[in-house]
PDB file of N, CA and C in Angstrom:
ATOM      1  N   MET A   1     -22.041-104.744 -65.155  1.00  0.00           N
ATOM      2  CA  MET A   1     -21.730-103.490 -65.082  1.00  0.00           C
ATOM      3  C   MET A   1     -20.720-102.887 -65.990  1.00  0.00           C
ATOM      4  N   LEU A   2     -19.693-103.740 -66.143  1.00  0.00           N
ATOM      5  CA  LEU A   2     -18.685-103.129 -67.110  1.00  0.00           C
ATOM      6  C   LEU A   2     -19.340-103.006 -68.304  1.00  0.00           C
ATOM      7  N   ARG A   3     -20.246-104.006 -68.761  1.00  0.00           N
ATOM      8  CA  ARG A   3     -20.888-103.793 -70.152  1.00  0.00           C
ATOM      9  C   ARG A   3     -21.589-102.559 -70.151  1.00  0.00           C
ATOM     10  N   ALA A   4     -22.189-102.105 -69.188  1.00  0.00           N
ATOM     11  CA  ALA A   4     -23.269-100.979 -69.115  1.00  0.00           C
ATOM     12  C   ALA A   4     -22.302 -99.691 -69.389  1.00  0.00           C
ATOM     13  N   ARG A   5     -21.242 -99.767 -68.776  1.00  0.00           N
ATOM     14  CA  ARG A   5     -20.270 -98.744 -69.027  1.00  0.00           C
ATOM     15  C   ARG A   5     -19.701 -98.592 -70.272  1.00  0.00           C
ATOM     16  N   LEU A   6     -19.490 -99.741 -70.855  1.00  0.00           N
ATOM     17  CA  LEU A   6     -18.889 -99.625 -72.188  1.00  0.00           C
ATOM     18  C   LEU A   6     -20.011 -99.381 -73.111  1.00  0.00           C
ATOM     19  N   THR A   7     -21.205 -99.702 -73.010  1.00  0.00           N
ATOM     20  CA  THR A   7     -22.127 -99.280 -73.688  1.00  0.00           C
ATOM     21  C   THR A   7     -22.414 -97.751 -73.614  1.00  0.00           C
ATOM     22  N   LEU A   8     -22.314 -97.247 -72.587  1.00  0.00           N
ATOM     23  CA  LEU A   8     -22.338 -95.671 -72.555  1.00  0.00           C
ATOM     24  C   LEU A   8     -21.150 -94.982 -72.971  1.00  0.00           C
ATOM     25  N   LYS A   9     -19.925 -95.620 -72.834  1.00  0.00           N
ATOM     26  CA  LYS A   9     -18.705 -94.881 -73.111  1.00  0.00           C
ATOM     27  C   LYS A   9     -18.549 -94.911 -74.758  1.00  0.00           C
ATOM     28  N   LEU A  10     -19.003 -95.938 -75.373  1.00  0.00           N
ATOM     29  CA  LEU A  10     -18.815 -95.941 -76.858  1.00  0.00           C
ATOM     30  C   LEU A  10     -19.636 -94.900 -77.530  1.00  0.00           C
ATOM     31  N   PRO A  11     -20.955 -94.592 -77.317  1.00  0.00           N
ATOM     32  CA  PRO A  11     -21.542 -93.539 -77.952  1.00  0.00           C
ATOM     33  C   PRO A  11     -20.998 -92.394 -77.673  1.00  0.00           C
ATOM     34  N   VAL A  12     -20.673 -91.995 -76.511  1.00  0.00           N
ATOM     35  CA  VAL A  12     -19.950 -90.897 -75.935  1.00  0.00           C
ATOM     36  C   VAL A  12     -18.771 -90.415 -76.819  1.00  0.00           C
ATOM     37  N   LEU A  13     -17.972 -91.595 -76.995  1.00  0.00           N
ATOM     38  CA  LEU A  13     -16.646 -91.657 -77.640  1.00  0.00           C
ATOM     39  C   LEU A  13     -16.897 -91.263 -79.117  1.00  0.00           C
ATOM     40  N   VAL A  14     -17.863 -91.792 -79.714  1.00  0.00           N
ATOM     41  CA  VAL A  14     -18.161 -91.637 -81.021  1.00  0.00           C
ATOM     42  C   VAL A  14     -18.831 -90.237 -81.411  1.00  0.00           C
ATOM     43  N   VAL A  15     -19.644 -89.650 -80.495  1.00  0.00           N
ATOM     44  CA  VAL A  15     -20.119 -88.286 -80.570  1.00  0.00           C
ATOM     45  C   VAL A  15     -19.123 -87.362 -80.405  1.00  0.00           C
ATOM     46  N   GLY A  16     -18.388 -87.703 -79.365  1.00  0.00           N
ATOM     47  CA  GLY A  16     -17.021 -86.639 -79.147  1.00  0.00           C
ATOM     48  C   GLY A  16     -16.149 -86.686 -80.208  1.00  0.00           C
ATOM     49  N   ALA A  17     -15.859 -87.831 -80.974  1.00  0.00           N
ATOM     50  CA  ALA A  17     -15.016 -87.704 -82.120  1.00  0.00           C
ATOM     51  C   ALA A  17     -15.678 -87.089 -83.266  1.00  0.00           C
ATOM     52  N   VAL A  18     -17.036 -87.216 -83.539  1.00  0.00           N
ATOM     53  CA  VAL A  18     -17.698 -86.396 -84.547  1.00  0.00           C
ATOM     54  C   VAL A  18     -17.589 -84.919 -84.223  1.00  0.00           C
ATOM     55  N   LEU A  19     -17.836 -84.655 -83.004  1.00  0.00           N
ATOM     56  CA  LEU A  19     -17.791 -83.200 -82.580  1.00  0.00           C
ATOM     57  C   LEU A  19     -16.333 -82.533 -82.912  1.00  0.00           C
ATOM     58  N   LEU A  20     -15.354 -83.320 -82.409  1.00  0.00           N
ATOM     59  CA  LEU A  20     -13.984 -82.802 -82.662  1.00  0.00           C
ATOM     60  C   LEU A  20     -13.690 -82.634 -84.080  1.00  0.00           C
ATOM     61  N   THR A  21     -14.112 -83.535 -84.909  1.00  0.00           N
ATOM     62  CA  THR A  21     -13.770 -83.507 -86.234  1.00  0.00           C
ATOM     63  C   THR A  21     -14.565 -82.419 -86.866  1.00  0.00           C
ATOM     64  N   ALA A  22     -15.649 -82.114 -86.558  1.00  0.00           N
ATOM     65  CA  ALA A  22     -16.482 -81.122 -87.121  1.00  0.00           C
ATOM     66  C   ALA A  22     -15.921 -79.702 -86.689  1.00  0.00           C
ATOM     67  N   ALA A  23     -15.537 -79.667 -85.444  1.00  0.00           N
ATOM     68  CA  ALA A  23     -14.917 -78.452 -84.901  1.00  0.00           C
ATOM     69  C   ALA A  23     -13.663 -78.088 -85.768  1.00  0.00           C
ATOM     70  N   THR A  24     -12.935 -79.216 -85.941  1.00  0.00           N
ATOM     71  CA  THR A  24     -11.532 -78.984 -86.692  1.00  0.00           C
ATOM     72  C   THR A  24     -11.773 -78.464 -88.010  1.00  0.00           C
ATOM     73  N   VAL A  25     -12.863 -79.207 -88.713  1.00  0.00           N
ATOM     74  CA  VAL A  25     -13.060 -78.848 -90.083  1.00  0.00           C
ATOM     75  C   VAL A  25     -13.594 -77.312 -90.216  1.00  0.00           C
ATOM     76  N   ALA A  26     -14.531 -76.913 -89.262  1.00  0.00           N
ATOM     77  CA  ALA A  26     -15.026 -75.633 -89.187  1.00  0.00           C
ATOM     78  C   ALA A  26     -13.769 -74.458 -88.941  1.00  0.00           C
ATOM     79  N   VAL A  27     -12.897 -74.920 -88.130  1.00  0.00           N
ATOM     80  CA  VAL A  27     -11.866 -73.813 -87.896  1.00  0.00           C
ATOM     81  C   VAL A  27     -11.045 -73.698 -89.068  1.00  0.00           C
ATOM     82  N   LEU A  28     -10.695 -74.922 -89.764  1.00  0.00           N
ATOM     83  CA  LEU A  28      -9.867 -74.861 -90.946  1.00  0.00           C
ATOM     84  C   LEU A  28     -10.702 -74.116 -92.109  1.00  0.00           C
ATOM     85  N   ALA A  29     -12.014 -74.306 -92.301  1.00  0.00           N
ATOM     86  CA  ALA A  29     -12.712 -73.827 -93.206  1.00  0.00           C
ATOM     87  C   ALA A  29     -12.781 -72.252 -92.991  1.00  0.00           C
ATOM     88  N   ILE A  30     -12.812 -71.782 -91.785  1.00  0.00           N
ATOM     89  CA  ILE A  30     -12.806 -70.442 -91.449  1.00  0.00           C
ATOM     90  C   ILE A  30     -11.478 -69.791 -91.917  1.00  0.00           C
ATOM     91  N   SER A  31     -10.436 -70.545 -91.398  1.00  0.00           N
ATOM     92  CA  SER A  31      -9.151 -70.080 -91.663  1.00  0.00           C
ATOM     93  C   SER A  31      -8.794 -69.821 -93.193  1.00  0.00           C
ATOM     94  N   ILE A  32      -9.123 -70.966 -93.892  1.00  0.00           N
ATOM     95  CA  ILE A  32      -8.941 -70.972 -95.424  1.00  0.00           C
ATOM     96  C   ILE A  32      -9.787 -69.834 -95.993  1.00  0.00           C
ATOM     97  N   GLY A  33     -10.925 -69.767 -95.696  1.00  0.00           N
ATOM     98  CA  GLY A  33     -11.949 -68.613 -96.325  1.00  0.00           C
ATOM     99  C   GLY A  33     -11.487 -67.250 -95.863  1.00  0.00           C
ATOM    100  N   ARG A  34     -10.926 -67.066 -94.689  1.00  0.00           N
ATOM    101  CA  ARG A  34     -10.405 -65.652 -94.394  1.00  0.00           C
ATOM    102  C   ARG A  34      -9.008 -65.360 -95.254  1.00  0.00           C
ATOM    103  N   GLY A  35      -8.276 -66.478 -95.497  1.00  0.00           N
ATOM    104  CA  GLY A  35      -7.125 -66.216 -96.353  1.00  0.00           C
ATOM    105  C   GLY A  35      -7.481 -65.855 -97.799  1.00  0.00           C
ATOM    106  N   ILE A  36      -8.496 -66.560 -98.116  1.00  0.00           N
ATOM    107  CA  ILE A  36      -8.861 -66.488 -99.689  1.00  0.00           C
ATOM    108  C   ILE A  36      -9.573 -65.030 -99.769  1.00  0.00           C
ATOM    109  N   LEU A  37     -10.373 -64.577 -98.824  1.00  0.00           N
ATOM    110  CA  LEU A  37     -10.948 -63.185 -98.696  1.00  0.00           C
ATOM    111  C   LEU A  37      -9.891 -62.032 -98.766  1.00  0.00           C
ATOM    112  N   ARG A  38      -8.779 -62.438 -97.946  1.00  0.00           N
ATOM    113  CA  ARG A  38      -7.748 -61.359 -97.725  1.00  0.00           C
ATOM    114  C   ARG A  38      -6.966 -61.310 -99.038  1.00  0.00           C
ATOM    115  N   GLN A  39      -6.760 -62.367 -99.715  1.00  0.00           N
ATOM    116  CA  GLN A  39      -5.884 -62.641-100.985  1.00  0.00           C
ATOM    117  C   GLN A  39      -6.903 -61.664-102.013  1.00  0.00           C
ATOM    118  N   ALA A  40      -7.976 -61.859-102.002  1.00  0.00           N
ATOM    119  CA  ALA A  40      -8.849 -61.228-103.064  1.00  0.00           C
ATOM    120  C   ALA A  40      -8.960 -59.676-102.784  1.00  0.00           C
ATOM    121  N   ALA A  41      -9.050 -59.311-101.645  1.00  0.00           N
ATOM    122  CA  ALA A  41      -8.893 -58.011-101.174  1.00  0.00           C
ATOM    123  C   ALA A  41      -7.681 -57.234-101.628  1.00  0.00           C
ATOM    124  N   LEU A  42      -6.543 -58.053-101.240  1.00  0.00           N
ATOM    125  CA  LEU A  42      -5.211 -57.425-101.805  1.00  0.00           C
ATOM    126  C   LEU A  42      -5.251 -57.311-103.267  1.00  0.00           C
ATOM    127  N   GLU A  43      -5.538 -58.176-104.006  1.00  0.00           N
ATOM    128  CA  GLU A  43      -5.613 -58.137-105.509  1.00  0.00           C
ATOM    129  C   GLU A  43      -6.363 -57.071-105.937  1.00  0.00           C
ATOM    130  N   GLU A  44      -7.592 -56.799-105.299  1.00  0.00           N
ATOM    131  CA  GLU A  44      -8.449 -55.769-105.698  1.00  0.00           C
ATOM    132  C   GLU A  44      -7.733 -54.344-105.596  1.00  0.00           C
ATOM    133  N   LEU A  45      -7.128 -54.279-104.279  1.00  0.00           N
ATOM    134  CA  LEU A  45      -6.327 -53.016-104.081  1.00  0.00           C
ATOM    135  C   LEU A  45      -5.174 -52.604-104.867  1.00  0.00           C
ATOM    136  N   VAL A  46      -4.473 -53.812-105.354  1.00  0.00           N
ATOM    137  CA  VAL A  46      -3.361 -53.723-106.335  1.00  0.00           C
ATOM    138  C   VAL A  46      -3.980 -53.426-107.768  1.00  0.00           C
ATOM    139  N   GLU A  47      -5.026 -53.935-108.103  1.00  0.00           N
ATOM    140  CA  GLU A  47      -5.692 -53.529-109.380  1.00  0.00           C
ATOM    141  C   GLU A  47      -6.109 -52.032-109.422  1.00  0.00           C
ATOM    142  N   ARG A  48      -6.773 -51.619-108.173  1.00  0.00           N
ATOM    143  CA  ARG A  48      -7.360 -50.405-108.258  1.00  0.00           C
ATOM    144  C   ARG A  48      -6.102 -49.377-108.162  1.00  0.00           C
ATOM    145  N   ARG A  49      -4.930 -49.696-107.432  1.00  0.00           N
ATOM    146  CA  ARG A  49      -3.858 -48.892-107.575  1.00  0.00           C
ATOM    147  C   ARG A  49      -3.348 -48.494-109.048  1.00  0.00           C
ATOM    148  N   GLU A  50      -3.203 -49.768-109.741  1.00  0.00           N
ATOM    149  CA  GLU A  50      -2.762 -49.538-111.105  1.00  0.00           C
ATOM    150  C   GLU A  50      -3.583 -48.822-111.999  1.00  0.00           C
ATOM    151  N   VAL A  51      -4.997 -48.795-111.760  1.00  0.00           N
ATOM    152  CA  VAL A  51      -5.893 -48.160-112.600  1.00  0.00           C
ATOM    153  C   VAL A  51      -5.909 -46.429-112.227  1.00  0.00           C
ATOM    154  N   TYR A  52      -5.592 -46.219-110.999  1.00  0.00           N
ATOM    155  CA  TYR A  52      -5.347 -44.890-110.574  1.00  0.00           C
ATOM    156  C   TYR A  52      -3.948 -44.409-111.240  1.00  0.00           C
ATOM    157  N   ALA A  53      -2.868 -45.205-111.161  1.00  0.00           N
ATOM    158  CA  ALA A  53      -1.737 -44.905-111.480  1.00  0.00           C
ATOM    159  C   ALA A  53      -1.781 -44.409-112.980  1.00  0.00           C
ATOM    160  N   SER A  54      -2.413 -45.462-113.847  1.00  0.00           N
ATOM    161  CA  SER A  54      -2.478 -45.157-115.176  1.00  0.00           C
ATOM    162  C   SER A  54      -3.289 -43.932-115.598  1.00  0.00           C
ATOM    163  N   ALA A  55      -4.398 -43.498-114.747  1.00  0.00           N
ATOM    164  CA  ALA A  55      -5.121 -42.492-115.071  1.00  0.00           C
ATOM    165  C   ALA A  55      -4.139 -41.134-114.759  1.00  0.00           C
ATOM    166  N   ILE A  56      -3.588 -41.093-113.630  1.00  0.00           N
ATOM    167  CA  ILE A  56      -2.674 -40.044-113.322  1.00  0.00           C
ATOM    168  C   ILE A  56      -1.533 -39.864-114.404  1.00  0.00           C
ATOM    169  N   ASP A  57      -1.000 -41.036-114.930  1.00  0.00           N
ATOM    170  CA  ASP A  57       0.018 -40.892-116.067  1.00  0.00           C
ATOM    171  C   ASP A  57      -0.620 -40.287-117.140  1.00  0.00           C
ATOM    172  N   PHE A  58      -1.832 -40.758-117.521  1.00  0.00           N
ATOM    173  CA  PHE A  58      -2.481 -40.071-118.655  1.00  0.00           C
ATOM    174  C   PHE A  58      -2.588 -38.813-118.556  1.00  0.00           C
ATOM    175  N   TYR A  59      -3.108 -38.257-117.549  1.00  0.00           N
ATOM    176  CA  TYR A  59      -3.536 -36.756-117.341  1.00  0.00           C
ATOM    177  C   TYR A  59      -2.250 -36.057-117.201  1.00  0.00           C
ATOM    178  N   ILE A  60      -1.180 -36.544-116.546  1.00  0.00           N
ATOM    179  CA  ILE A  60       0.263 -35.833-116.616  1.00  0.00           C
ATOM    180  C   ILE A  60       0.749 -35.730-117.975  1.00  0.00           C
ATOM    181  N   GLY A  61       0.592 -36.807-118.741  1.00  0.00           N
ATOM    182  CA  GLY A  61       1.235 -36.821-120.084  1.00  0.00           C
ATOM    183  C   GLY A  61       0.434 -35.753-121.039  1.00  0.00           C
ATOM    184  N   GLY A  62      -0.937 -35.579-120.801  1.00  0.00           N
ATOM    185  CA  GLY A  62      -1.632 -34.745-121.554  1.00  0.00           C
ATOM    186  C   GLY A  62      -1.161 -33.207-121.104  1.00  0.00           C
ATOM    187  N   ALA A  63      -1.005 -33.001-119.774  1.00  0.00           N
ATOM    188  CA  ALA A  63      -0.783 -31.771-119.428  1.00  0.00           C
ATOM    189  C   ALA A  63       0.708 -31.415-119.955  1.00  0.00           C
ATOM    190  N   ARG A  64       1.680 -32.350-119.936  1.00  0.00           N
ATOM    191  CA  ARG A  64       3.046 -32.185-120.485  1.00  0.00           C
ATOM    192  C   ARG A  64       2.935 -31.802-122.027  1.00  0.00           C
ATOM    193  N   GLY A  65       2.103 -32.517-122.653  1.00  0.00           N
ATOM    194  CA  GLY A  65       2.071 -32.300-124.111  1.00  0.00           C
ATOM    195  C   GLY A  65       1.425 -30.855-124.407  1.00  0.00           C
ATOM    196  N   LEU A  66       0.494 -30.401-123.514  1.00  0.00           N
ATOM    197  CA  LEU A  66      -0.181 -29.074-123.796  1.00  0.00           C
ATOM    198  C   LEU A  66       0.713 -28.055-123.348  1.00  0.00           C
ATOM    199  N   ILE A  67       1.543 -28.295-122.331  1.00  0.00           N
ATOM    200  CA  ILE A  67       2.461 -27.262-121.910  1.00  0.00           C
ATOM    201  C   ILE A  67       3.506 -27.120-122.944  1.00  0.00           C
ATOM    202  N   GLY A  68       3.944 -28.273-123.486  1.00  0.00           N
ATOM    203  CA  GLY A  68       5.033 -28.301-124.375  1.00  0.00           C
ATOM    204  C   GLY A  68       4.623 -27.660-125.968  1.00  0.00           C
ATOM    205  N   VAL A  69       3.407 -27.882-126.217  1.00  0.00           N
ATOM    206  CA  VAL A  69       2.801 -27.212-127.469  1.00  0.00           C
ATOM    207  C   VAL A  69       2.679 -25.843-127.270  1.00  0.00           C
ATOM    208  N   THR A  70       2.123 -25.431-126.084  1.00  0.00           N
ATOM    209  CA  THR A  70       1.940 -24.058-125.900  1.00  0.00           C
ATOM    210  C   THR A  70       3.321 -23.255-125.702  1.00  0.00           C
ATOM    211  N   ALA A  71       4.074 -23.856-125.100  1.00  0.00           N
ATOM    212  CA  ALA A  71       5.457 -23.233-125.013  1.00  0.00           C
ATOM    213  C   ALA A  71       6.285 -22.917-126.239  1.00  0.00           C
ATOM    214  N   ASP A  72       5.899 -23.762-127.185  1.00  0.00           N
ATOM    215  CA  ASP A  72       6.636 -23.641-128.692  1.00  0.00           C
ATOM    216  C   ASP A  72       6.080 -22.561-129.341  1.00  0.00           C
ATOM    217  N   GLN A  73       4.908 -22.107-128.922  1.00  0.00           N
ATOM    218  CA  GLN A  73       4.197 -20.931-129.811  1.00  0.00           C
ATOM    219  C   GLN A  73       5.051 -19.676-129.526  1.00  0.00           C
ATOM    220  N   PRO A  74       5.396 -18.955-130.575  1.00  0.00           N
ATOM    221  CA  PRO A  74       6.003 -17.602-130.796  1.00  0.00           C
ATOM    222  C   PRO A  74       5.258 -16.690-129.790  1.00  0.00           C
ATOM    223  N   ALA A  75       4.030 -16.904-129.876  1.00  0.00           N
ATOM    224  CA  ALA A  75       3.092 -15.832-129.081  1.00  0.00           C
ATOM    225  C   ALA A  75       3.359 -15.942-127.635  1.00  0.00           C
ATOM    226  N   MET A  76       3.438 -17.269-127.218  1.00  0.00           N
ATOM    227  CA  MET A  76       3.794 -17.399-125.777  1.00  0.00           C
ATOM    228  C   MET A  76       5.058 -16.953-125.349  1.00  0.00           C
ATOM    229  N   ARG A  77       5.975 -17.112-126.241  1.00  0.00           N
ATOM    230  CA  ARG A  77       7.366 -16.598-125.923  1.00  0.00           C
ATOM    231  C   ARG A  77       7.312 -15.072-125.960  1.00  0.00           C
ATOM    232  N   GLU A  78       6.762 -14.411-126.823  1.00  0.00           N
ATOM    233  CA  GLU A  78       6.542 -13.091-126.790  1.00  0.00           C
ATOM    234  C   GLU A  78       5.873 -12.637-125.540  1.00  0.00           C
ATOM    235  N   PHE A  79       4.739 -13.176-125.290  1.00  0.00           N
ATOM    236  CA  PHE A  79       4.032 -12.879-124.154  1.00  0.00           C
ATOM    237  C   PHE A  79       4.984 -12.900-122.651  1.00  0.00           C
ATOM    238  N   ALA A  80       5.634 -14.007-122.624  1.00  0.00           N
ATOM    239  CA  ALA A  80       6.589 -14.221-121.356  1.00  0.00           C
ATOM    240  C   ALA A  80       7.688 -12.958-121.534  1.00  0.00           C
ATOM    241  N   ARG A  81       8.293 -12.827-122.600  1.00  0.00           N
ATOM    242  CA  ARG A  81       9.117 -11.681-122.771  1.00  0.00           C
ATOM    243  C   ARG A  81       8.638 -10.274-122.512  1.00  0.00           C
ATOM    244  N   HIS A  82       7.545 -10.190-122.956  1.00  0.00           N
ATOM    245  CA  HIS A  82       6.946  -8.819-122.781  1.00  0.00           C
ATOM    246  C   HIS A  82       6.318  -8.566-121.370  1.00  0.00           C
ATOM    247  N   TRP A  83       5.649  -9.575-120.801  1.00  0.00           N
ATOM    248  CA  TRP A  83       4.937  -9.272-119.468  1.00  0.00           C
ATOM    249  C   TRP A  83       5.712  -9.762-118.110  1.00  0.00           C
ATOM    250  N   LEU A  84       6.542 -10.685-118.234  1.00  0.00           N
ATOM    251  CA  LEU A  84       7.191 -11.416-117.102  1.00  0.00           C
ATOM    252  C   LEU A  84       8.601 -10.880-116.874  1.00  0.00           C
ATOM    253  N   THR A  85       9.174 -10.132-117.825  1.00  0.00           N
ATOM    254  CA  THR A  85      10.458  -9.556-117.495  1.00  0.00           C
ATOM    255  C   THR A  85      10.383  -8.038-117.224  1.00  0.00           C
ATOM    256  N   PRO A  86      11.132  -7.790-116.086  1.00  0.00           N
ATOM    257  CA  PRO A  86      11.075  -6.329-115.828  1.00  0.00           C
ATOM    258  C   PRO A  86      11.693  -5.527-116.871  1.00  0.00           C
ATOM    259  N   PRO A  87      11.546  -4.121-116.968  1.00  0.00           N
ATOM    260  CA  PRO A  87      11.804  -3.317-117.927  1.00  0.00           C
ATOM    261  C   PRO A  87      13.218  -2.784-117.564  1.00  0.00           C
ATOM    262  N   ARG A  88      14.071  -2.430-118.542  1.00  0.00           N
ATOM    263  CA  ARG A  88      15.298  -1.861-118.262  1.00  0.00           C
ATOM    264  C   ARG A  88      15.384  -0.563-117.742  1.00  0.00           C
ATOM    265  N   GLY A  89      15.968  -0.325-116.778  1.00  0.00           N
ATOM    266  CA  GLY A  89      16.030   1.214-116.320  1.00  0.00           C
ATOM    267  C   GLY A  89      14.702   1.478-115.403  1.00  0.00           C
ATOM    268  N   ALA A  90      14.045   0.543-115.168  1.00  0.00           N
ATOM    269  CA  ALA A  90      12.713   0.883-114.416  1.00  0.00           C
ATOM    270  C   ALA A  90      13.147   1.256-112.912  1.00  0.00           C
ATOM    271  N   GLY A  91      12.426   2.102-112.239  1.00  0.00           N
ATOM    272  CA  GLY A  91      12.788   2.740-111.058  1.00  0.00           C
ATOM    273  C   GLY A  91      12.699   1.519-110.021  1.00  0.00           C
ATOM    274  N   GLY A  92      11.951   0.554-110.073  1.00  0.00           N
ATOM    275  CA  GLY A  92      12.035  -0.618-109.045  1.00  0.00           C
ATOM    276  C   GLY A  92      11.137  -1.660-109.466  1.00  0.00           C
ATOM    277  N   PRO A  93      11.383  -2.749-108.791  1.00  0.00           N
ATOM    278  CA  PRO A  93      10.762  -3.949-109.296  1.00  0.00           C
ATOM    279  C   PRO A  93       9.371  -3.813-109.044  1.00  0.00           C
ATOM    280  N   GLY A  94       8.634  -4.642-109.720  1.00  0.00           N
ATOM    281  CA  GLY A  94       7.106  -4.638-109.552  1.00  0.00           C
ATOM    282  C   GLY A  94       6.349  -4.012-110.546  1.00  0.00           C
ATOM    283  N   ARG A  95       6.628  -2.836-111.061  1.00  0.00           N
ATOM    284  CA  ARG A  95       5.831  -2.141-111.842  1.00  0.00           C
ATOM    285  C   ARG A  95       6.354  -2.179-113.387  1.00  0.00           C
ATOM    286  N   HIS A  96       5.368  -2.525-114.390  1.00  0.00           N
ATOM    287  CA  HIS A  96       5.700  -2.789-115.750  1.00  0.00           C
ATOM    288  C   HIS A  96       4.570  -2.619-116.502  1.00  0.00           C
ATOM    289  N   ARG A  97       4.563  -1.468-117.294  1.00  0.00           N
ATOM    290  CA  ARG A  97       3.682  -1.144-118.218  1.00  0.00           C
ATOM    291  C   ARG A  97       2.103  -1.150-117.543  1.00  0.00           C
ATOM    292  N   GLY A  98       2.042  -0.747-116.366  1.00  0.00           N
ATOM    293  CA  GLY A  98       0.695  -0.464-115.874  1.00  0.00           C
ATOM    294  C   GLY A  98       0.148  -1.690-115.000  1.00  0.00           C
ATOM    295  N   ILE A  99       0.904  -2.688-114.831  1.00  0.00           N
ATOM    296  CA  ILE A  99       0.652  -3.750-113.985  1.00  0.00           C
ATOM    297  C   ILE A  99       0.878  -3.578-112.639  1.00  0.00           C
ATOM    298  N   PRO A 100      -0.044  -3.978-111.640  1.00  0.00           N
ATOM    299  CA  PRO A 100       0.249  -3.565-110.319  1.00  0.00           C
ATOM    300  C   PRO A 100       1.539  -4.316-109.780  1.00  0.00           C
ATOM    301  N   ALA A 101       2.035  -3.895-108.691  1.00  0.00           N
ATOM    302  CA  ALA A 101       3.334  -4.470-108.029  1.00  0.00           C
ATOM    303  C   ALA A 101       2.961  -6.067-107.876  1.00  0.00           C
ATOM    304  N   ARG A 102       3.952  -6.885-108.145  1.00  0.00           N
ATOM    305  CA  ARG A 102       3.902  -8.236-107.911  1.00  0.00           C
ATOM    306  C   ARG A 102       4.309  -8.494-106.461  1.00  0.00           C
ATOM    307  N   PRO A 103       3.856  -9.510-105.692  1.00  0.00           N
ATOM    308  CA  PRO A 103       4.295  -9.775-104.378  1.00  0.00           C
ATOM    309  C   PRO A 103       5.738 -10.392-104.371  1.00  0.00           C
ATOM    310  N   ARG A 104       6.194 -11.073-105.566  1.00  0.00           N
ATOM    311  CA  ARG A 104       7.355 -11.651-105.557  1.00  0.00           C
ATOM    312  C   ARG A 104       8.702 -10.786-105.393  1.00  0.00           C
ATOM    313  N   GLY A 105       8.484  -9.668-105.945  1.00  0.00           N
ATOM    314  CA  GLY A 105       9.533  -8.823-105.661  1.00  0.00           C
ATOM    315  C   GLY A 105      10.327  -8.621-107.085  1.00  0.00           C
ATOM    316  N   ASP A 106      11.726  -9.161-107.257  1.00  0.00           N
ATOM    317  CA  ASP A 106      12.554  -8.701-108.220  1.00  0.00           C
ATOM    318  C   ASP A 106      12.425  -9.395-109.484  1.00  0.00           C
ATOM    319  N   GLY A 107      11.545 -10.326-109.731  1.00  0.00           N
ATOM    320  CA  GLY A 107      11.371 -10.735-111.127  1.00  0.00           C
ATOM    321  C   GLY A 107      12.290 -11.911-111.632  1.00  0.00           C
ATOM    322  N   ALA A 108      12.968 -12.444-110.558  1.00  0.00           N
ATOM    323  CA  ALA A 108      13.919 -13.421-110.782  1.00  0.00           C
ATOM    324  C   ALA A 108      13.301 -14.712-111.376  1.00  0.00           C
ATOM    325  N   THR A 109      12.070 -15.050-110.937  1.00  0.00           N
ATOM    326  CA  THR A 109      11.080 -16.136-111.462  1.00  0.00           C
ATOM    327  C   THR A 109      10.823 -15.811-112.869  1.00  0.00           C
ATOM    328  N   ALA A 110      10.517 -14.608-113.167  1.00  0.00           N
ATOM    329  CA  ALA A 110      10.054 -14.147-114.581  1.00  0.00           C
ATOM    330  C   ALA A 110      11.253 -14.526-115.325  1.00  0.00           C
ATOM    331  N   CYS A 111      12.583 -14.237-114.965  1.00  0.00           N
ATOM    332  CA  CYS A 111      13.613 -14.409-115.814  1.00  0.00           C
ATOM    333  C   CYS A 111      13.896 -15.860-116.255  1.00  0.00           C
ATOM    334  N   ARG A 112      13.640 -16.722-115.091  1.00  0.00           N
ATOM    335  CA  ARG A 112      13.927 -18.219-115.237  1.00  0.00           C
ATOM    336  C   ARG A 112      12.955 -18.629-116.255  1.00  0.00           C
ATOM    337  N   CYS A 113      11.814 -18.176-116.083  1.00  0.00           N
ATOM    338  CA  CYS A 113      10.571 -18.654-116.962  1.00  0.00           C
ATOM    339  C   CYS A 113      11.163 -18.372-118.498  1.00  0.00           C
ATOM    340  N   VAL A 114      11.447 -17.170-118.716  1.00  0.00           N
ATOM    341  CA  VAL A 114      11.788 -16.618-120.064  1.00  0.00           C
ATOM    342  C   VAL A 114      12.952 -17.447-120.474  1.00  0.00           C
ATOM    343  N   ARG A 115      13.862 -17.865-119.769  1.00  0.00           N
ATOM    344  CA  ARG A 115      15.005 -18.663-120.147  1.00  0.00           C
ATOM    345  C   ARG A 115      14.689 -19.962-120.429  1.00  0.00           C
ATOM    346  N   ILE A 116      13.728 -20.669-119.653  1.00  0.00           N
ATOM    347  CA  ILE A 116      13.257 -21.892-119.917  1.00  0.00           C
ATOM    348  C   ILE A 116      12.422 -21.949-121.413  1.00  0.00           C
ATOM    349  N   LEU A 117      11.560 -20.946-121.596  1.00  0.00           N
ATOM    350  CA  LEU A 117      10.927 -20.985-122.711  1.00  0.00           C
ATOM    351  C   LEU A 117      11.605 -20.618-124.048  1.00  0.00           C
ATOM    352  N   ASP A 118      12.951 -19.905-123.747  1.00  0.00           N
ATOM    353  CA  ASP A 118      13.842 -19.702-124.880  1.00  0.00           C
ATOM    354  C   ASP A 118      14.901 -20.771-125.134  1.00  0.00           C
ATOM    355  N   ALA A 119      14.943 -21.760-124.211  1.00  0.00           N
ATOM    356  CA  ALA A 119      15.945 -22.926-124.359  1.00  0.00           C
ATOM    357  C   ALA A 119      15.467 -23.601-125.631  1.00  0.00           C
ATOM    358  N   PRO A 120      16.653 -24.137-126.321  1.00  0.00           N
ATOM    359  CA  PRO A 120      16.541 -24.825-127.606  1.00  0.00           C
ATOM    360  C   PRO A 120      15.667 -26.145-127.228  1.00  0.00           C
ATOM    361  N   GLN A 121      14.672 -26.463-128.135  1.00  0.00           N
ATOM    362  CA  GLN A 121      14.069 -27.812-127.939  1.00  0.00           C
ATOM    363  C   GLN A 121      14.804 -28.912-128.497  1.00  0.00           C
ATOM    364  N   ALA A 122      14.961 -30.048-127.843  1.00  0.00           N
ATOM    365  CA  ALA A 122      15.655 -31.164-128.156  1.00  0.00           C
ATOM    366  C   ALA A 122      14.859 -32.077-129.029  1.00  0.00           C
TER     367      ALA A 122
END
């Protein structure tokens, strides 16, 4: 009887050990796979962020260059001086050479713009 029990216990023990090993390997494989996938996703996000940042930097640099070149033109300075500054002795803010009243009021912003355009370039 003892032998019968031992012959039953041994295959059950071997099958149990195999199932436990298979379950442990499966859990480890899933865990390692998820870690690898998470790392790959994070690297892709970092790469995508760097691509967007370089594109934005490129467009901002182009806009800066365009504004700098345009602001250096004498015609733009004259335009700013002529159309954005209020006339001397005008009855009130907002009307200048037939332009309708500006919603901003006193023209302080326009004066700042003219000062910026007239500033010496370094």
